[in-house]
PDB file of all heavy atoms in Angstrom:
ATOM      1  N   ILE A   1       7.902   2.938  -3.989  1.00  0.00           N
ATOM      2  CA  ILE A   1       7.630   4.208  -3.138  1.00  0.00           C
ATOM      3  C   ILE A   1       6.423   4.863  -3.757  1.00  0.00           C
ATOM      4  O   ILE A   1       5.402   5.267  -3.200  1.00  0.00           O
ATOM      5  CB  ILE A   1       8.771   5.128  -3.011  1.00  0.00           C
ATOM      6  CG1 ILE A   1       9.949   4.409  -2.263  1.00  0.00           C
ATOM      7  CG2 ILE A   1       8.342   6.437  -2.253  1.00  0.00           C
ATOM      8  CD1 ILE A   1      11.143   5.230  -2.157  1.00  0.00           C
ATOM      9  N   GLY A   2       6.546   5.074  -5.158  1.00  0.00           N
ATOM     10  CA  GLY A   2       5.412   5.818  -5.817  1.00  0.00           C
ATOM     11  C   GLY A   2       4.189   5.095  -5.802  1.00  0.00           C
ATOM     12  O   GLY A   2       3.058   5.623  -5.488  1.00  0.00           O
ATOM     13  N   MET A   3       4.127   3.799  -5.975  1.00  0.00           N
ATOM     14  CA  MET A   3       2.890   3.001  -5.984  1.00  0.00           C
ATOM     15  C   MET A   3       2.339   2.983  -4.565  1.00  0.00           C
ATOM     16  O   MET A   3       1.098   3.092  -4.373  1.00  0.00           O
ATOM     17  CB  MET A   3       3.086   1.554  -6.508  1.00  0.00           C
ATOM     18  CG  MET A   3       3.593   1.554  -7.995  1.00  0.00           C
ATOM     19  SD  MET A   3       2.095   1.939  -9.066  1.00  0.00           S
ATOM     20  CE  MET A   3       1.009   0.594  -8.704  1.00  0.00           C
ATOM     21  N   TRP A   4       3.121   2.743  -3.510  1.00  0.00           N
ATOM     22  CA  TRP A   4       2.580   2.737  -2.180  1.00  0.00           C
ATOM     23  C   TRP A   4       1.957   4.080  -1.883  1.00  0.00           C
ATOM     24  O   TRP A   4       0.870   4.148  -1.276  1.00  0.00           O
ATOM     25  CB  TRP A   4       3.772   2.500  -1.150  1.00  0.00           C
ATOM     26  CG  TRP A   4       3.436   2.507   0.239  1.00  0.00           C
ATOM     27  CD1 TRP A   4       2.765   1.488   0.981  1.00  0.00           C
ATOM     28  CD2 TRP A   4       3.464   3.695   1.115  1.00  0.00           C
ATOM     29  NE1 TRP A   4       2.495   1.955   2.239  1.00  0.00           N
ATOM     30  CE2 TRP A   4       2.896   3.268   2.310  1.00  0.00           C
ATOM     31  CE3 TRP A   4       3.911   5.020   0.929  1.00  0.00           C
ATOM     32  CZ2 TRP A   4       2.833   4.059   3.389  1.00  0.00           C
ATOM     33  CZ3 TRP A   4       3.724   5.841   2.043  1.00  0.00           C
ATOM     34  CH2 TRP A   4       3.273   5.414   3.321  1.00  0.00           C
ATOM     35  N   PHE A   5       2.600   5.188  -2.054  1.00  0.00           N
ATOM     36  CA  PHE A   5       2.087   6.564  -1.714  1.00  0.00           C
ATOM     37  C   PHE A   5       0.803   6.729  -2.458  1.00  0.00           C
ATOM     38  O   PHE A   5      -0.226   7.160  -1.983  1.00  0.00           O
ATOM     39  CB  PHE A   5       3.089   7.613  -2.201  1.00  0.00           C
ATOM     40  CG  PHE A   5       2.432   8.937  -2.004  1.00  0.00           C
ATOM     41  CD1 PHE A   5       2.340   9.510  -0.802  1.00  0.00           C
ATOM     42  CD2 PHE A   5       2.022   9.656  -3.062  1.00  0.00           C
ATOM     43  CE1 PHE A   5       1.779  10.778  -0.557  1.00  0.00           C
ATOM     44  CE2 PHE A   5       1.493  10.944  -2.957  1.00  0.00           C
ATOM     45  CZ  PHE A   5       1.447  11.593  -1.776  1.00  0.00           C
ATOM     46  N   ALA A   6       0.643   6.450  -3.878  1.00  0.00           N
ATOM     47  CA  ALA A   6      -0.454   6.675  -4.720  1.00  0.00           C
ATOM     48  C   ALA A   6      -1.652   5.759  -4.214  1.00  0.00           C
ATOM     49  O   ALA A   6      -2.756   6.345  -4.215  1.00  0.00           O
ATOM     50  CB  ALA A   6      -0.171   6.437  -6.229  1.00  0.00           C
ATOM     51  N   LEU A   7      -1.450   4.550  -3.899  1.00  0.00           N
ATOM     52  CA  LEU A   7      -2.505   3.638  -3.564  1.00  0.00           C
ATOM     53  C   LEU A   7      -3.010   4.062  -2.178  1.00  0.00           C
ATOM     54  O   LEU A   7      -4.206   4.030  -1.878  1.00  0.00           O
ATOM     55  CB  LEU A   7      -2.009   2.232  -3.506  1.00  0.00           C
ATOM     56  CG  LEU A   7      -1.895   1.619  -4.846  1.00  0.00           C
ATOM     57  CD1 LEU A   7      -1.049   0.289  -4.782  1.00  0.00           C
ATOM     58  CD2 LEU A   7      -3.119   1.531  -5.657  1.00  0.00           C
ATOM     59  N   LYS A   8      -2.110   4.449  -1.270  1.00  0.00           N
ATOM     60  CA  LYS A   8      -2.565   4.915   0.085  1.00  0.00           C
ATOM     61  C   LYS A   8      -3.598   6.122  -0.031  1.00  0.00           C
ATOM     62  O   LYS A   8      -4.583   6.218   0.600  1.00  0.00           O
ATOM     63  CB  LYS A   8      -1.483   5.430   0.974  1.00  0.00           C
ATOM     64  CG  LYS A   8      -0.768   4.103   1.538  1.00  0.00           C
ATOM     65  CD  LYS A   8      -1.666   3.562   2.678  1.00  0.00           C
ATOM     66  CE  LYS A   8      -0.820   2.401   3.483  1.00  0.00           C
ATOM     67  NZ  LYS A   8      -1.727   1.874   4.489  1.00  0.00           N
ATOM     68  N   TRP A   9      -3.083   7.090  -0.952  1.00  0.00           N
ATOM     69  CA  TRP A   9      -3.905   8.313  -1.132  1.00  0.00           C
ATOM     70  C   TRP A   9      -5.224   8.100  -1.837  1.00  0.00           C
ATOM     71  O   TRP A   9      -6.291   8.596  -1.373  1.00  0.00           O
ATOM     72  CB  TRP A   9      -2.998   9.255  -1.828  1.00  0.00           C
ATOM     73  CG  TRP A   9      -3.723  10.598  -1.983  1.00  0.00           C
ATOM     74  CD1 TRP A   9      -3.888  11.653  -1.194  1.00  0.00           C
ATOM     75  CD2 TRP A   9      -4.389  11.092  -3.350  1.00  0.00           C
ATOM     76  NE1 TRP A   9      -4.392  12.812  -1.656  1.00  0.00           N
ATOM     77  CE2 TRP A   9      -4.762  12.433  -2.979  1.00  0.00           C
ATOM     78  CE3 TRP A   9      -4.515  10.580  -4.465  1.00  0.00           C
ATOM     79  CZ2 TRP A   9      -5.489  13.135  -3.913  1.00  0.00           C
ATOM     80  CZ3 TRP A   9      -5.193  11.335  -5.432  1.00  0.00           C
ATOM     81  CH2 TRP A   9      -5.748  12.666  -5.163  1.00  0.00           C
ATOM     82  N   SER A  10      -5.164   7.152  -2.774  1.00  0.00           N
ATOM     83  CA  SER A  10      -6.305   6.910  -3.588  1.00  0.00           C
ATOM     84  C   SER A  10      -7.431   6.200  -2.739  1.00  0.00           C
ATOM     85  O   SER A  10      -8.521   6.570  -2.788  1.00  0.00           O
ATOM     86  CB  SER A  10      -6.004   6.088  -4.781  1.00  0.00           C
ATOM     87  OG  SER A  10      -7.178   5.642  -5.532  1.00  0.00           O
ATOM     88  N   THR A  11      -6.968   5.064  -2.168  1.00  0.00           N
ATOM     89  CA  THR A  11      -8.011   4.251  -1.484  1.00  0.00           C
ATOM     90  C   THR A  11      -8.570   4.983  -0.235  1.00  0.00           C
ATOM     91  O   THR A  11      -9.751   4.757   0.139  1.00  0.00           O
ATOM     92  CB  THR A  11      -7.440   2.840  -1.139  1.00  0.00           C
ATOM     93  OG1 THR A  11      -6.282   3.043  -0.305  1.00  0.00           O
ATOM     94  CG2 THR A  11      -7.023   2.117  -2.405  1.00  0.00           C
ATOM     95  N   GLY A  12      -7.634   5.701   0.360  1.00  0.00           N
ATOM     96  CA  GLY A  12      -8.150   6.426   1.547  1.00  0.00           C
ATOM     97  C   GLY A  12      -9.233   7.456   1.325  1.00  0.00           C
ATOM     98  O   GLY A  12     -10.263   7.485   1.979  1.00  0.00           O
ATOM     99  N   LYS A  13      -9.049   8.206   0.199  1.00  0.00           N
ATOM    100  CA  LYS A  13     -10.151   9.179  -0.143  1.00  0.00           C
ATOM    101  C   LYS A  13     -11.406   8.528  -0.663  1.00  0.00           C
ATOM    102  O   LYS A  13     -12.465   8.870  -0.190  1.00  0.00           O
ATOM    103  CB  LYS A  13      -9.643   9.899  -1.366  1.00  0.00           C
ATOM    104  CG  LYS A  13      -8.567  11.012  -0.945  1.00  0.00           C
ATOM    105  CD  LYS A  13      -8.204  11.940  -2.134  1.00  0.00           C
ATOM    106  CE  LYS A  13      -9.372  12.880  -2.383  1.00  0.00           C
ATOM    107  NZ  LYS A  13      -9.162  13.892  -3.427  1.00  0.00           N
ATOM    108  N   LYS A  14     -11.240   7.354  -1.401  1.00  0.00           N
ATOM    109  CA  LYS A  14     -12.578   6.677  -1.832  1.00  0.00           C
ATOM    110  C   LYS A  14     -13.232   6.033  -0.739  1.00  0.00           C
ATOM    111  O   LYS A  14     -14.427   5.946  -0.595  1.00  0.00           O
ATOM    112  CB  LYS A  14     -12.146   5.690  -2.961  1.00  0.00           C
ATOM    113  CG  LYS A  14     -13.425   5.246  -3.697  1.00  0.00           C
ATOM    114  CD  LYS A  14     -13.254   4.353  -4.715  1.00  0.00           C
ATOM    115  CE  LYS A  14     -11.996   4.327  -5.682  1.00  0.00           C
ATOM    116  NZ  LYS A  14     -10.814   4.316  -5.192  1.00  0.00           N
ATOM    117  N   HIS A  15     -12.509   5.478   0.233  1.00  0.00           N
ATOM    118  CA  HIS A  15     -13.167   4.801   1.422  1.00  0.00           C
ATOM    119  C   HIS A  15     -13.951   5.751   2.210  1.00  0.00           C
ATOM    120  O   HIS A  15     -15.205   5.642   2.655  1.00  0.00           O
ATOM    121  CB  HIS A  15     -12.091   4.118   2.461  1.00  0.00           C
ATOM    122  CG  HIS A  15     -11.880   2.742   2.216  1.00  0.00           C
ATOM    123  ND1 HIS A  15     -12.757   1.823   2.195  1.00  0.00           N
ATOM    124  CD2 HIS A  15     -10.612   2.164   1.823  1.00  0.00           C
ATOM    125  CE1 HIS A  15     -12.211   0.627   1.944  1.00  0.00           C
ATOM    126  NE2 HIS A  15     -11.034   0.809   1.676  1.00  0.00           N
ATOM    127  N   ARG A  16     -13.514   7.055   2.393  1.00  0.00           N
ATOM    128  CA  ARG A  16     -14.189   8.085   3.107  1.00  0.00           C
ATOM    129  C   ARG A  16     -15.368   8.533   2.305  1.00  0.00           C
ATOM    130  O   ARG A  16     -16.582   8.693   2.851  1.00  0.00           O
ATOM    131  CB  ARG A  16     -13.198   9.348   3.309  1.00  0.00           C
ATOM    132  CG  ARG A  16     -12.215   9.000   4.285  1.00  0.00           C
ATOM    133  CD  ARG A  16     -11.523  10.311   4.710  1.00  0.00           C
ATOM    134  NE  ARG A  16     -10.865  10.938   3.714  1.00  0.00           N
ATOM    135  CZ  ARG A  16      -9.587  10.742   3.300  1.00  0.00           C
ATOM    136  NH1 ARG A  16      -8.833   9.773   3.911  1.00  0.00           N
ATOM    137  NH2 ARG A  16      -8.907  11.436   2.299  1.00  0.00           N
ATOM    138  N   LYS A  17     -15.251   8.654   0.993  1.00  0.00           N
ATOM    139  CA  LYS A  17     -16.435   9.064   0.131  1.00  0.00           C
ATOM    140  C   LYS A  17     -17.439   8.073   0.130  1.00  0.00           C
ATOM    141  O   LYS A  17     -18.688   8.412   0.176  1.00  0.00           O
ATOM    142  CB  LYS A  17     -15.874   9.375  -1.285  1.00  0.00           C
ATOM    143  CG  LYS A  17     -17.044   9.952  -2.145  1.00  0.00           C
ATOM    144  CD  LYS A  17     -16.491  10.266  -3.539  1.00  0.00           C
ATOM    145  CE  LYS A  17     -15.505  11.481  -3.521  1.00  0.00           C
ATOM    146  NZ  LYS A  17     -15.070  11.826  -4.835  1.00  0.00           N
ATOM    147  N   MET A  18     -17.118   6.726  -0.137  1.00  0.00           N
ATOM    148  CA  MET A  18     -18.166   5.620  -0.314  1.00  0.00           C
ATOM    149  C   MET A  18     -18.767   5.460   1.085  1.00  0.00           C
ATOM    150  O   MET A  18     -19.993   5.131   1.077  1.00  0.00           O
ATOM    151  CB  MET A  18     -17.437   4.403  -0.693  1.00  0.00           C
ATOM    152  CG  MET A  18     -16.799   4.452  -2.093  1.00  0.00           C
ATOM    153  SD  MET A  18     -18.024   4.727  -3.396  1.00  0.00           S
ATOM    154  CE  MET A  18     -18.640   3.092  -3.618  1.00  0.00           C
ATOM    155  N   SER A  19     -18.128   5.617   2.238  1.00  0.00           N
ATOM    156  CA  SER A  19     -18.592   5.407   3.518  1.00  0.00           C
ATOM    157  C   SER A  19     -19.763   6.303   3.761  1.00  0.00           C
ATOM    158  O   SER A  19     -20.660   6.227   4.625  1.00  0.00           O
ATOM    159  CB  SER A  19     -17.593   5.393   4.607  1.00  0.00           C
ATOM    160  OG  SER A  19     -17.015   6.646   4.682  1.00  0.00           O
ATOM    161  N   LYS A  20     -19.522   7.518   3.255  1.00  0.00           N
ATOM    162  CA  LYS A  20     -20.590   8.692   3.525  1.00  0.00           C
ATOM    163  C   LYS A  20     -21.741   8.551   2.593  1.00  0.00           C
ATOM    164  O   LYS A  20     -22.815   9.088   2.865  1.00  0.00           O
ATOM    165  CB  LYS A  20     -19.988  10.067   3.187  1.00  0.00           C
ATOM    166  CG  LYS A  20     -18.916  10.468   4.301  1.00  0.00           C
ATOM    167  CD  LYS A  20     -18.354  11.863   3.982  1.00  0.00           C
ATOM    168  CE  LYS A  20     -17.225  12.209   4.889  1.00  0.00           C
ATOM    169  NZ  LYS A  20     -16.704  13.556   4.541  1.00  0.00           N
ATOM    170  N   GLY A  21     -21.647   7.658   1.567  1.00  0.00           N
ATOM    171  CA  GLY A  21     -22.737   7.563   0.594  1.00  0.00           C
ATOM    172  C   GLY A  21     -22.643   8.625  -0.526  1.00  0.00           C
ATOM    173  O   GLY A  21     -22.058   9.715  -0.377  1.00  0.00           O
ATOM    174  N   LEU A  22     -23.014   8.227  -1.630  1.00  0.00           N
ATOM    175  CA  LEU A  22     -22.945   9.075  -2.870  1.00  0.00           C
ATOM    176  C   LEU A  22     -24.287   9.767  -3.035  1.00  0.00           C
ATOM    177  O   LEU A  22     -25.275   9.160  -3.289  1.00  0.00           O
ATOM    178  CB  LEU A  22     -22.512   8.313  -4.145  1.00  0.00           C
ATOM    179  CG  LEU A  22     -21.205   7.652  -4.037  1.00  0.00           C
ATOM    180  CD1 LEU A  22     -20.867   6.739  -5.180  1.00  0.00           C
ATOM    181  CD2 LEU A  22     -20.034   8.770  -4.060  1.00  0.00           C
ATOM    182  N   LYS A  23     -24.236  11.071  -3.226  1.00  0.00           N
ATOM    183  CA  LYS A  23     -25.536  11.868  -3.185  1.00  0.00           C
ATOM    184  C   LYS A  23     -25.841  12.171  -4.677  1.00  0.00           C
ATOM    185  O   LYS A  23     -24.949  12.663  -5.393  1.00  0.00           O
ATOM    186  CB  LYS A  23     -25.427  13.234  -2.430  1.00  0.00           C
ATOM    187  CG  LYS A  23     -26.630  13.932  -2.342  1.00  0.00           C
ATOM    188  CD  LYS A  23     -26.545  15.163  -1.419  1.00  0.00           C
ATOM    189  CE  LYS A  23     -27.839  15.968  -1.481  1.00  0.00           C
ATOM    190  NZ  LYS A  23     -27.818  17.163  -0.617  1.00  0.00           N
ATOM    191  N   PHE A  24     -26.966  12.038  -5.115  1.00  0.00           N
ATOM    192  CA  PHE A  24     -27.379  12.326  -6.466  1.00  0.00           C
ATOM    193  C   PHE A  24     -28.014  13.683  -6.499  1.00  0.00           C
ATOM    194  O   PHE A  24     -29.003  13.991  -5.642  1.00  0.00           O
ATOM    195  CB  PHE A  24     -28.325  11.231  -7.077  1.00  0.00           C
ATOM    196  CG  PHE A  24     -29.036  11.548  -8.235  1.00  0.00           C
ATOM    197  CD1 PHE A  24     -28.212  11.765  -9.393  1.00  0.00           C
ATOM    198  CD2 PHE A  24     -30.378  11.660  -8.435  1.00  0.00           C
ATOM    199  CE1 PHE A  24     -28.843  12.011 -10.677  1.00  0.00           C
ATOM    200  CE2 PHE A  24     -31.039  11.956  -9.712  1.00  0.00           C
ATOM    201  CZ  PHE A  24     -30.240  12.109 -10.830  1.00  0.00           C
ATOM    202  N   TYR A  25     -27.602  14.559  -7.375  1.00  0.00           N
ATOM    203  CA  TYR A  25     -27.991  16.067  -7.409  1.00  0.00           C
ATOM    204  C   TYR A  25     -28.964  16.291  -8.530  1.00  0.00           C
ATOM    205  O   TYR A  25     -29.312  17.367  -8.757  1.00  0.00           O
ATOM    206  CB  TYR A  25     -26.727  16.899  -7.418  1.00  0.00           C
ATOM    207  CG  TYR A  25     -25.841  16.754  -6.241  1.00  0.00           C
ATOM    208  CD1 TYR A  25     -24.762  16.019  -6.277  1.00  0.00           C
ATOM    209  CD2 TYR A  25     -26.147  17.514  -5.114  1.00  0.00           C
ATOM    210  CE1 TYR A  25     -23.876  15.923  -5.141  1.00  0.00           C
ATOM    211  CE2 TYR A  25     -25.391  17.439  -3.964  1.00  0.00           C
ATOM    212  CZ  TYR A  25     -24.228  16.632  -4.041  1.00  0.00           C
ATOM    213  OH  TYR A  25     -23.494  16.518  -2.865  1.00  0.00           O
ATOM    214  N   GLY A  26     -29.411  15.320  -9.246  1.00  0.00           N
ATOM    215  CA  GLY A  26     -30.509  15.535 -10.291  1.00  0.00           C
ATOM    216  C   GLY A  26     -29.916  16.466 -11.375  1.00  0.00           C
ATOM    217  O   GLY A  26     -28.855  16.297 -11.795  1.00  0.00           O
ATOM    218  N   GLU A  27     -30.731  17.458 -11.718  1.00  0.00           N
ATOM    219  CA  GLU A  27     -30.279  18.357 -12.813  1.00  0.00           C
ATOM    220  C   GLU A  27     -29.243  19.274 -12.314  1.00  0.00           C
ATOM    221  O   GLU A  27     -28.690  20.081 -13.284  1.00  0.00           O
ATOM    222  CB  GLU A  27     -31.596  19.079 -13.296  1.00  0.00           C
ATOM    223  CG  GLU A  27     -32.580  18.099 -13.976  1.00  0.00           C
ATOM    224  CD  GLU A  27     -33.489  18.856 -14.876  1.00  0.00           C
ATOM    225  OE1 GLU A  27     -33.589  20.151 -14.782  1.00  0.00           O
ATOM    226  OE2 GLU A  27     -34.448  18.284 -15.446  1.00  0.00           O
ATOM    227  N   LYS A  28     -28.788  19.297 -11.141  1.00  0.00           N
ATOM    228  CA  LYS A  28     -27.703  20.138 -10.657  1.00  0.00           C
ATOM    229  C   LYS A  28     -26.348  19.305 -10.755  1.00  0.00           C
ATOM    230  O   LYS A  28     -25.235  19.877 -10.387  1.00  0.00           O
ATOM    231  CB  LYS A  28     -27.930  20.591  -9.193  1.00  0.00           C
ATOM    232  CG  LYS A  28     -29.065  21.487  -9.139  1.00  0.00           C
ATOM    233  CD  LYS A  28     -29.158  21.988  -7.687  1.00  0.00           C
ATOM    234  CE  LYS A  28     -30.369  23.009  -7.599  1.00  0.00           C
ATOM    235  NZ  LYS A  28     -30.507  23.450  -6.235  1.00  0.00           N
ATOM    236  N   GLU A  29     -26.463  18.070 -11.221  1.00  0.00           N
ATOM    237  CA  GLU A  29     -25.203  17.324 -11.401  1.00  0.00           C
ATOM    238  C   GLU A  29     -24.245  18.077 -12.432  1.00  0.00           C
ATOM    239  O   GLU A  29     -24.710  18.493 -13.388  1.00  0.00           O
ATOM    240  CB  GLU A  29     -25.575  15.926 -12.058  1.00  0.00           C
ATOM    241  CG  GLU A  29     -26.129  14.929 -11.071  1.00  0.00           C
ATOM    242  CD  GLU A  29     -25.052  14.188 -10.247  1.00  0.00           C
ATOM    243  OE1 GLU A  29     -23.985  14.133 -10.689  1.00  0.00           O
ATOM    244  OE2 GLU A  29     -25.484  13.739  -9.033  1.00  0.00           O
ATOM    245  N   PHE A  30     -22.890  18.172 -12.011  1.00  0.00           N
ATOM    246  CA  PHE A  30     -21.962  19.013 -12.794  1.00  0.00           C
ATOM    247  C   PHE A  30     -21.943  18.366 -14.207  1.00  0.00           C
ATOM    248  O   PHE A  30     -21.909  19.247 -15.139  1.00  0.00           O
ATOM    249  CB  PHE A  30     -20.687  18.927 -12.197  1.00  0.00           C
ATOM    250  CG  PHE A  30     -20.549  19.628 -10.816  1.00  0.00           C
ATOM    251  CD1 PHE A  30     -19.466  19.424 -10.029  1.00  0.00           C
ATOM    252  CD2 PHE A  30     -21.448  20.587 -10.510  1.00  0.00           C
ATOM    253  CE1 PHE A  30     -19.455  20.017  -8.810  1.00  0.00           C
ATOM    254  CE2 PHE A  30     -21.376  21.373  -9.363  1.00  0.00           C
ATOM    255  CZ  PHE A  30     -20.250  21.047  -8.453  1.00  0.00           C
ATOM    256  N   ILE A  31     -21.926  17.107 -14.322  1.00  0.00           N
ATOM    257  CA  ILE A  31     -21.720  16.494 -15.699  1.00  0.00           C
ATOM    258  C   ILE A  31     -22.994  16.674 -16.489  1.00  0.00           C
ATOM    259  O   ILE A  31     -22.955  16.993 -17.726  1.00  0.00           O
ATOM    260  CB  ILE A  31     -21.499  14.985 -15.577  1.00  0.00           C
ATOM    261  CG1 ILE A  31     -20.199  14.704 -14.828  1.00  0.00           C
ATOM    262  CG2 ILE A  31     -21.342  14.422 -17.009  1.00  0.00           C
ATOM    263  CD1 ILE A  31     -19.902  13.160 -14.599  1.00  0.00           C
ATOM    264  N   PHE A  32     -24.206  16.673 -15.911  1.00  0.00           N
ATOM    265  CA  PHE A  32     -25.427  16.979 -16.682  1.00  0.00           C
ATOM    266  C   PHE A  32     -25.359  18.504 -17.269  1.00  0.00           C
ATOM    267  O   PHE A  32     -25.826  18.659 -18.306  1.00  0.00           O
ATOM    268  CB  PHE A  32     -26.521  16.735 -15.778  1.00  0.00           C
ATOM    269  CG  PHE A  32     -27.860  17.133 -16.479  1.00  0.00           C
ATOM    270  CD1 PHE A  32     -28.315  16.278 -17.568  1.00  0.00           C
ATOM    271  CD2 PHE A  32     -28.629  18.202 -16.069  1.00  0.00           C
ATOM    272  CE1 PHE A  32     -29.582  16.599 -18.100  1.00  0.00           C
ATOM    273  CE2 PHE A  32     -29.857  18.420 -16.680  1.00  0.00           C
ATOM    274  CZ  PHE A  32     -30.270  17.684 -17.715  1.00  0.00           C
ATOM    275  N   ILE A  33     -24.879  19.427 -16.329  1.00  0.00           N
ATOM    276  CA  ILE A  33     -24.821  20.798 -16.745  1.00  0.00           C
ATOM    277  C   ILE A  33     -23.791  20.875 -17.961  1.00  0.00           C
ATOM    278  O   ILE A  33     -24.072  21.644 -18.888  1.00  0.00           O
ATOM    279  CB  ILE A  33     -24.290  21.665 -15.583  1.00  0.00           C
ATOM    280  CG1 ILE A  33     -25.450  21.697 -14.557  1.00  0.00           C
ATOM    281  CG2 ILE A  33     -24.104  22.995 -16.063  1.00  0.00           C
ATOM    282  CD1 ILE A  33     -25.024  22.438 -13.280  1.00  0.00           C
TER     283      ILE A  33
END
């Protein structure tokens, strides 16, 4: 149950994000700051 739920949630979010494309924010990138 735990693995099924976690994998559904994880892959669903990433599919949506990857399908929209990843935007590069240059010097406004959070990690760069």
